[in-house]
PDB file of N, CA and C in Angstrom:
ATOM      1  N   MET A   1     -50.346 307.877  40.806  1.00  0.00           N
ATOM      2  CA  MET A   1     -50.841 306.633  40.258  1.00  0.00           C
ATOM      3  C   MET A   1     -50.576 306.636  38.750  1.00  0.00           C
ATOM      4  N   LYS A   2     -49.946 305.545  38.290  1.00  0.00           N
ATOM      5  CA  LYS A   2     -49.626 305.421  36.884  1.00  0.00           C
ATOM      6  C   LYS A   2     -50.455 304.258  36.321  1.00  0.00           C
ATOM      7  N   THR A   3     -50.814 304.457  35.044  1.00  0.00           N
ATOM      8  CA  THR A   3     -51.606 303.415  34.351  1.00  0.00           C
ATOM      9  C   THR A   3     -50.774 302.826  33.184  1.00  0.00           C
ATOM     10  N   TYR A   4     -50.759 301.521  33.070  1.00  0.00           N
ATOM     11  CA  TYR A   4     -50.070 300.831  31.993  1.00  0.00           C
ATOM     12  C   TYR A   4     -51.040 299.895  31.281  1.00  0.00           C
ATOM     13  N   THR A   5     -50.768 299.614  30.014  1.00  0.00           N
ATOM     14  CA  THR A   5     -51.553 298.641  29.306  1.00  0.00           C
ATOM     15  C   THR A   5     -51.085 297.265  29.741  1.00  0.00           C
ATOM     16  N   TYR A   6     -51.846 296.265  29.444  1.00  0.00           N
ATOM     17  CA  TYR A   6     -51.467 294.892  29.774  1.00  0.00           C
ATOM     18  C   TYR A   6     -50.162 294.528  29.160  1.00  0.00           C
ATOM     19  N   SER A   7     -49.919 294.870  27.912  1.00  0.00           N
ATOM     20  CA  SER A   7     -48.689 294.533  27.174  1.00  0.00           C
ATOM     21  C   SER A   7     -47.494 295.227  27.823  1.00  0.00           C
ATOM     22  N   GLN A   8     -47.682 296.487  28.180  1.00  0.00           N
ATOM     23  CA  GLN A   8     -46.583 297.256  28.826  1.00  0.00           C
ATOM     24  C   GLN A   8     -46.232 296.620  30.205  1.00  0.00           C
ATOM     25  N   ALA A   9     -47.238 296.219  30.927  1.00  0.00           N
ATOM     26  CA  ALA A   9     -47.027 295.646  32.245  1.00  0.00           C
ATOM     27  C   ALA A   9     -46.357 294.284  32.093  1.00  0.00           C
ATOM     28  N   ARG A  10     -46.727 293.504  31.123  1.00  0.00           N
ATOM     29  CA  ARG A  10     -46.141 292.178  30.930  1.00  0.00           C
ATOM     30  C   ARG A  10     -44.644 292.317  30.577  1.00  0.00           C
ATOM     31  N   ASN A  11     -44.335 293.315  29.779  1.00  0.00           N
ATOM     32  CA  ASN A  11     -42.928 293.481  29.341  1.00  0.00           C
ATOM     33  C   ASN A  11     -42.005 294.014  30.463  1.00  0.00           C
ATOM     34  N   ARG A  12     -42.602 294.753  31.403  1.00  0.00           N
ATOM     35  CA  ARG A  12     -41.707 295.315  32.426  1.00  0.00           C
ATOM     36  C   ARG A  12     -42.255 295.051  33.836  1.00  0.00           C
ATOM     37  N   LEU A  13     -42.643 293.810  34.071  1.00  0.00           N
ATOM     38  CA  LEU A  13     -43.260 293.452  35.336  1.00  0.00           C
ATOM     39  C   LEU A  13     -42.355 293.694  36.562  1.00  0.00           C
ATOM     40  N   ALA A  14     -41.070 293.359  36.500  1.00  0.00           N
ATOM     41  CA  ALA A  14     -40.202 293.577  37.636  1.00  0.00           C
ATOM     42  C   ALA A  14     -40.146 295.039  38.009  1.00  0.00           C
ATOM     43  N   GLY A  15     -39.954 295.896  37.036  1.00  0.00           N
ATOM     44  CA  GLY A  15     -39.879 297.342  37.326  1.00  0.00           C
ATOM     45  C   GLY A  15     -41.213 297.872  37.850  1.00  0.00           C
ATOM     46  N   LEU A  16     -42.292 297.316  37.332  1.00  0.00           N
ATOM     47  CA  LEU A  16     -43.626 297.726  37.770  1.00  0.00           C
ATOM     48  C   LEU A  16     -43.851 297.374  39.237  1.00  0.00           C
ATOM     49  N   LEU A  17     -43.359 296.223  39.631  1.00  0.00           N
ATOM     50  CA  LEU A  17     -43.530 295.820  41.058  1.00  0.00           C
ATOM     51  C   LEU A  17     -42.729 296.710  41.977  1.00  0.00           C
ATOM     52  N   GLU A  18     -41.503 297.095  41.549  1.00  0.00           N
ATOM     53  CA  GLU A  18     -40.718 298.042  42.300  1.00  0.00           C
ATOM     54  C   GLU A  18     -41.399 299.364  42.413  1.00  0.00           C
ATOM     55  N   GLU A  19     -41.957 299.836  41.337  1.00  0.00           N
ATOM     56  CA  GLU A  19     -42.720 301.109  41.294  1.00  0.00           C
ATOM     57  C   GLU A  19     -43.922 301.057  42.230  1.00  0.00           C
ATOM     58  N   ALA A  20     -44.577 299.879  42.308  1.00  0.00           N
ATOM     59  CA  ALA A  20     -45.791 299.751  43.149  1.00  0.00           C
ATOM     60  C   ALA A  20     -45.457 299.817  44.623  1.00  0.00           C
ATOM     61  N   LYS A  21     -44.191 299.724  45.021  1.00  0.00           N
ATOM     62  CA  LYS A  21     -43.841 299.838  46.413  1.00  0.00           C
ATOM     63  C   LYS A  21     -44.046 301.287  46.872  1.00  0.00           C
ATOM     64  N   HIS A  22     -44.019 302.251  45.920  1.00  0.00           N
ATOM     65  CA  HIS A  22     -44.090 303.685  46.245  1.00  0.00           C
ATOM     66  C   HIS A  22     -45.429 304.342  45.894  1.00  0.00           C
ATOM     67  N   GLU A  23     -46.059 303.775  44.901  1.00  0.00           N
ATOM     68  CA  GLU A  23     -47.344 304.347  44.486  1.00  0.00           C
ATOM     69  C   GLU A  23     -48.199 303.268  43.823  1.00  0.00           C
ATOM     70  N   GLU A  24     -49.529 303.501  43.778  1.00  0.00           N
ATOM     71  CA  GLU A  24     -50.420 302.538  43.178  1.00  0.00           C
ATOM     72  C   GLU A  24     -50.185 302.465  41.651  1.00  0.00           C
ATOM     73  N   VAL A  25     -50.227 301.277  41.126  1.00  0.00           N
ATOM     74  CA  VAL A  25     -50.052 301.110  39.696  1.00  0.00           C
ATOM     75  C   VAL A  25     -51.315 300.409  39.153  1.00  0.00           C
ATOM     76  N   ILE A  26     -51.797 300.940  38.050  1.00  0.00           N
ATOM     77  CA  ILE A  26     -53.016 300.381  37.439  1.00  0.00           C
ATOM     78  C   ILE A  26     -52.656 299.721  36.102  1.00  0.00           C
ATOM     79  N   ILE A  27     -53.219 298.541  35.858  1.00  0.00           N
ATOM     80  CA  ILE A  27     -53.031 297.823  34.598  1.00  0.00           C
ATOM     81  C   ILE A  27     -54.364 297.811  33.917  1.00  0.00           C
ATOM     82  N   ARG A  28     -54.417 298.269  32.658  1.00  0.00           N
ATOM     83  CA  ARG A  28     -55.671 298.369  31.904  1.00  0.00           C
ATOM     84  C   ARG A  28     -55.636 297.353  30.762  1.00  0.00           C
ATOM     85  N   ARG A  29     -56.680 296.542  30.658  1.00  0.00           N
ATOM     86  CA  ARG A  29     -56.820 295.613  29.560  1.00  0.00           C
ATOM     87  C   ARG A  29     -57.566 296.227  28.442  1.00  0.00           C
ATOM     88  N   ARG A  30     -57.515 295.592  27.304  1.00  0.00           N
ATOM     89  CA  ARG A  30     -58.111 296.139  26.078  1.00  0.00           C
ATOM     90  C   ARG A  30     -59.642 296.291  26.244  1.00  0.00           C
ATOM     91  N   ARG A  31     -60.307 295.409  26.969  1.00  0.00           N
ATOM     92  CA  ARG A  31     -61.762 295.559  27.169  1.00  0.00           C
ATOM     93  C   ARG A  31     -62.140 296.617  28.173  1.00  0.00           C
ATOM     94  N   GLY A  32     -61.125 297.235  28.771  1.00  0.00           N
ATOM     95  CA  GLY A  32     -61.454 298.290  29.742  1.00  0.00           C
ATOM     96  C   GLY A  32     -61.342 297.856  31.231  1.00  0.00           C
ATOM     97  N   ASP A  33     -61.126 296.529  31.458  1.00  0.00           N
ATOM     98  CA  ASP A  33     -60.909 296.074  32.831  1.00  0.00           C
ATOM     99  C   ASP A  33     -59.667 296.744  33.427  1.00  0.00           C
ATOM    100  N   ARG A  34     -59.743 297.100  34.695  1.00  0.00           N
ATOM    101  CA  ARG A  34     -58.650 297.764  35.374  1.00  0.00           C
ATOM    102  C   ARG A  34     -58.295 297.012  36.618  1.00  0.00           C
ATOM    103  N   PHE A  35     -56.985 296.864  36.894  1.00  0.00           N
ATOM    104  CA  PHE A  35     -56.505 296.105  38.057  1.00  0.00           C
ATOM    105  C   PHE A  35     -55.443 296.998  38.732  1.00  0.00           C
ATOM    106  N   ALA A  36     -55.483 297.015  40.041  1.00  0.00           N
ATOM    107  CA  ALA A  36     -54.523 297.837  40.809  1.00  0.00           C
ATOM    108  C   ALA A  36     -53.482 296.935  41.470  1.00  0.00           C
ATOM    109  N   ILE A  37     -52.232 297.371  41.423  1.00  0.00           N
ATOM    110  CA  ILE A  37     -51.151 296.693  42.148  1.00  0.00           C
ATOM    111  C   ILE A  37     -50.769 297.571  43.302  1.00  0.00           C
ATOM    112  N   ILE A  38     -50.917 297.073  44.498  1.00  0.00           N
ATOM    113  CA  ILE A  38     -50.548 297.810  45.688  1.00  0.00           C
ATOM    114  C   ILE A  38     -49.738 296.856  46.569  1.00  0.00           C
ATOM    115  N   PRO A  39     -48.754 297.358  47.321  1.00  0.00           N
ATOM    116  CA  PRO A  39     -47.945 296.506  48.132  1.00  0.00           C
ATOM    117  C   PRO A  39     -48.707 295.947  49.311  1.00  0.00           C
ATOM    118  N   LYS A  40     -48.483 294.670  49.637  1.00  0.00           N
ATOM    119  CA  LYS A  40     -49.038 294.055  50.777  1.00  0.00           C
ATOM    120  C   LYS A  40     -48.070 294.134  51.940  1.00  0.00           C
ATOM    121  N   PRO A  41     -48.505 294.449  53.141  1.00  0.00           N
ATOM    122  CA  PRO A  41     -47.615 294.515  54.255  1.00  0.00           C
ATOM    123  C   PRO A  41     -46.847 293.196  54.470  1.00  0.00           C
ATOM    124  N   SER A  42     -45.623 293.321  54.909  1.00  0.00           N
ATOM    125  CA  SER A  42     -44.788 292.146  55.107  1.00  0.00           C
ATOM    126  C   SER A  42     -45.429 291.221  56.165  1.00  0.00           C
ATOM    127  N   GLY A  43     -45.336 289.969  55.923  1.00  0.00           N
ATOM    128  CA  GLY A  43     -45.930 288.992  56.862  1.00  0.00           C
ATOM    129  C   GLY A  43     -44.929 288.432  57.828  1.00  0.00           C
ATOM    130  N   CYS A  44     -43.857 289.147  58.081  1.00  0.00           N
ATOM    131  CA  CYS A  44     -42.792 288.715  58.993  1.00  0.00           C
ATOM    132  C   CYS A  44     -43.148 289.062  60.446  1.00  0.00           C
ATOM    133  N   ARG A  45     -44.104 288.353  60.989  1.00  0.00           N
ATOM    134  CA  ARG A  45     -44.500 288.560  62.339  1.00  0.00           C
ATOM    135  C   ARG A  45     -44.166 287.362  63.191  1.00  0.00           C
ATOM    136  N   SER A  46     -43.895 287.631  64.404  1.00  0.00           N
ATOM    137  CA  SER A  46     -43.618 286.539  65.349  1.00  0.00           C
ATOM    138  C   SER A  46     -44.893 285.866  65.715  1.00  0.00           C
ATOM    139  N   PRO A  47     -44.927 284.553  65.881  1.00  0.00           N
ATOM    140  CA  PRO A  47     -46.135 283.857  66.338  1.00  0.00           C
ATOM    141  C   PRO A  47     -46.555 284.298  67.761  1.00  0.00           C
ATOM    142  N   PHE A  48     -45.634 284.887  68.490  1.00  0.00           N
ATOM    143  CA  PHE A  48     -45.932 285.371  69.840  1.00  0.00           C
ATOM    144  C   PHE A  48     -46.473 286.830  69.852  1.00  0.00           C
ATOM    145  N   ASP A  49     -46.535 287.446  68.687  1.00  0.00           N
ATOM    146  CA  ASP A  49     -47.056 288.804  68.571  1.00  0.00           C
ATOM    147  C   ASP A  49     -48.586 288.739  68.475  1.00  0.00           C
ATOM    148  N   VAL A  50     -49.237 288.665  69.643  1.00  0.00           N
ATOM    149  CA  VAL A  50     -50.672 288.557  69.699  1.00  0.00           C
ATOM    150  C   VAL A  50     -51.212 289.695  70.524  1.00  0.00           C
ATOM    151  N   PRO A  51     -52.459 290.086  70.250  1.00  0.00           N
ATOM    152  CA  PRO A  51     -53.035 291.192  71.082  1.00  0.00           C
ATOM    153  C   PRO A  51     -53.244 290.813  72.496  1.00  0.00           C
ATOM    154  N   GLY A  52     -53.095 291.718  73.394  1.00  0.00           N
ATOM    155  CA  GLY A  52     -53.255 291.421  74.816  1.00  0.00           C
ATOM    156  C   GLY A  52     -54.713 291.338  75.204  1.00  0.00           C
ATOM    157  N   VAL A  53     -54.948 290.776  76.411  1.00  0.00           N
ATOM    158  CA  VAL A  53     -56.292 290.661  76.932  1.00  0.00           C
ATOM    159  C   VAL A  53     -56.349 291.410  78.254  1.00  0.00           C
ATOM    160  N   SER A  54     -57.240 292.364  78.364  1.00  0.00           N
ATOM    161  CA  SER A  54     -57.348 293.125  79.585  1.00  0.00           C
ATOM    162  C   SER A  54     -58.369 292.438  80.529  1.00  0.00           C
ATOM    163  N   LYS A  55     -57.918 291.950  81.641  1.00  0.00           N
ATOM    164  CA  LYS A  55     -58.815 291.287  82.587  1.00  0.00           C
ATOM    165  C   LYS A  55     -58.932 292.055  83.911  1.00  0.00           C
ATOM    166  N   GLY A  56     -58.293 293.188  84.027  1.00  0.00           N
ATOM    167  CA  GLY A  56     -58.413 294.001  85.273  1.00  0.00           C
ATOM    168  C   GLY A  56     -57.697 293.382  86.446  1.00  0.00           C
ATOM    169  N   ILE A  57     -56.575 292.727  86.202  1.00  0.00           N
ATOM    170  CA  ILE A  57     -55.794 292.110  87.294  1.00  0.00           C
ATOM    171  C   ILE A  57     -54.427 292.837  87.296  1.00  0.00           C
ATOM    172  N   THR A  58     -53.944 293.073  88.496  1.00  0.00           N
ATOM    173  CA  THR A  58     -52.645 293.747  88.589  1.00  0.00           C
ATOM    174  C   THR A  58     -51.519 292.747  88.424  1.00  0.00           C
ATOM    175  N   ARG A  59     -50.366 293.286  88.192  1.00  0.00           N
ATOM    176  CA  ARG A  59     -49.164 292.414  88.047  1.00  0.00           C
ATOM    177  C   ARG A  59     -48.918 291.629  89.336  1.00  0.00           C
ATOM    178  N   ARG A  60     -49.106 292.324  90.446  1.00  0.00           N
ATOM    179  CA  ARG A  60     -48.865 291.677  91.779  1.00  0.00           C
ATOM    180  C   ARG A  60     -49.845 290.504  91.988  1.00  0.00           C
ATOM    181  N   GLU A  61     -51.112 290.710  91.567  1.00  0.00           N
ATOM    182  CA  GLU A  61     -52.098 289.602  91.715  1.00  0.00           C
ATOM    183  C   GLU A  61     -51.774 288.469  90.819  1.00  0.00           C
ATOM    184  N   LEU A  62     -51.330 288.724  89.607  1.00  0.00           N
ATOM    185  CA  LEU A  62     -50.981 287.708  88.661  1.00  0.00           C
ATOM    186  C   LEU A  62     -49.786 286.881  89.172  1.00  0.00           C
ATOM    187  N   LEU A  63     -48.758 287.560  89.641  1.00  0.00           N
ATOM    188  CA  LEU A  63     -47.616 286.825  90.164  1.00  0.00           C
ATOM    189  C   LEU A  63     -47.963 286.001  91.384  1.00  0.00           C
ATOM    190  N   ALA A  64     -48.807 286.497  92.227  1.00  0.00           N
ATOM    191  CA  ALA A  64     -49.245 285.760  93.403  1.00  0.00           C
ATOM    192  C   ALA A  64     -50.003 284.483  93.010  1.00  0.00           C
ATOM    193  N   ALA A  65     -50.819 284.612  91.998  1.00  0.00           N
ATOM    194  CA  ALA A  65     -51.574 283.410  91.509  1.00  0.00           C
ATOM    195  C   ALA A  65     -50.616 282.423  90.900  1.00  0.00           C
ATOM    196  N   ILE A  66     -49.607 282.843  90.203  1.00  0.00           N
ATOM    197  CA  ILE A  66     -48.617 281.892  89.612  1.00  0.00           C
ATOM    198  C   ILE A  66     -47.817 281.228  90.733  1.00  0.00           C
ATOM    199  N   ARG A  67     -47.394 281.979  91.723  1.00  0.00           N
ATOM    200  CA  ARG A  67     -46.658 281.384  92.827  1.00  0.00           C
ATOM    201  C   ARG A  67     -47.496 280.382  93.591  1.00  0.00           C
ATOM    202  N   GLU A  68     -48.757 280.725  93.804  1.00  0.00           N
ATOM    203  CA  GLU A  68     -49.664 279.807  94.503  1.00  0.00           C
ATOM    204  C   GLU A  68     -49.865 278.504  93.727  1.00  0.00           C
ATOM    205  N   SER A  69     -50.031 278.614  92.445  1.00  0.00           N
ATOM    206  CA  SER A  69     -50.271 277.414  91.621  1.00  0.00           C
ATOM    207  C   SER A  69     -49.003 276.543  91.584  1.00  0.00           C
ATOM    208  N   ARG A  70     -47.826 277.156  91.643  1.00  0.00           N
ATOM    209  CA  ARG A  70     -46.608 276.373  91.636  1.00  0.00           C
ATOM    210  C   ARG A  70     -46.288 275.709  92.975  1.00  0.00           C
ATOM    211  N   SER A  71     -46.836 276.275  94.045  1.00  0.00           N
ATOM    212  CA  SER A  71     -46.561 275.724  95.372  1.00  0.00           C
ATOM    213  C   SER A  71     -47.547 274.655  95.806  1.00  0.00           C
ATOM    214  N   ARG A  72     -48.597 274.370  95.032  1.00  0.00           N
ATOM    215  CA  ARG A  72     -49.597 273.382  95.448  1.00  0.00           C
ATOM    216  C   ARG A  72     -49.011 271.983  95.336  1.00  0.00           C
ATOM    217  N   PRO A  73     -49.223 271.150  96.346  1.00  0.00           N
ATOM    218  CA  PRO A  73     -48.738 269.803  96.303  1.00  0.00           C
ATOM    219  C   PRO A  73     -49.726 268.931  95.430  1.00  0.00           C
ATOM    220  N   GLY A  74     -49.271 267.751  95.066  1.00  0.00           N
ATOM    221  CA  GLY A  74     -50.176 266.920  94.266  1.00  0.00           C
ATOM    222  C   GLY A  74     -49.583 266.561  92.940  1.00  0.00           C
ATOM    223  N   LYS A  75     -49.735 267.418  91.986  1.00  0.00           N
ATOM    224  CA  LYS A  75     -49.192 267.135  90.659  1.00  0.00           C
ATOM    225  C   LYS A  75     -47.708 267.423  90.636  1.00  0.00           C
ATOM    226  N   SER A  76     -46.951 266.446  90.141  1.00  0.00           N
ATOM    227  CA  SER A  76     -45.512 266.689  90.021  1.00  0.00           C
ATOM    228  C   SER A  76     -45.252 267.369  88.680  1.00  0.00           C
ATOM    229  N   ARG A  77     -44.289 268.296  88.723  1.00  0.00           N
ATOM    230  CA  ARG A  77     -43.934 268.973  87.503  1.00  0.00           C
ATOM    231  C   ARG A  77     -42.915 268.099  86.756  1.00  0.00           C
ATOM    232  N   ARG A  78     -42.940 268.243  85.424  1.00  0.00           N
ATOM    233  CA  ARG A  78     -41.983 267.518  84.614  1.00  0.00           C
ATOM    234  C   ARG A  78     -40.593 268.081  84.864  1.00  0.00           C
ATOM    235  N   GLN A  79     -39.656 267.216  84.914  1.00  0.00           N
ATOM    236  CA  GLN A  79     -38.284 267.696  85.119  1.00  0.00           C
ATOM    237  C   GLN A  79     -37.554 267.838  83.809  1.00  0.00           C
ATOM    238  N   ALA A  80     -36.761 268.863  83.665  1.00  0.00           N
ATOM    239  CA  ALA A  80     -36.115 269.134  82.426  1.00  0.00           C
ATOM    240  C   ALA A  80     -34.856 268.271  82.251  1.00  0.00           C
TER     241      ALA A  80
END
């Protein structure tokens, strides 16, 4: 962990951000306030990347329920 003054940080912000990728960087103000710069994990996630739900149903039971719902007469499916 490295500590820089506010003036030092302002003058070399780009380098400081690169350094913060590898270790925590502290910026100290004249009054003694201290701030940490730490990297935030990348937000490049798929919208389909969601946690699963365990309902205690087997794959076979799930596929059977899907087939049954698709074979029911009544509602017409939209055609592509």
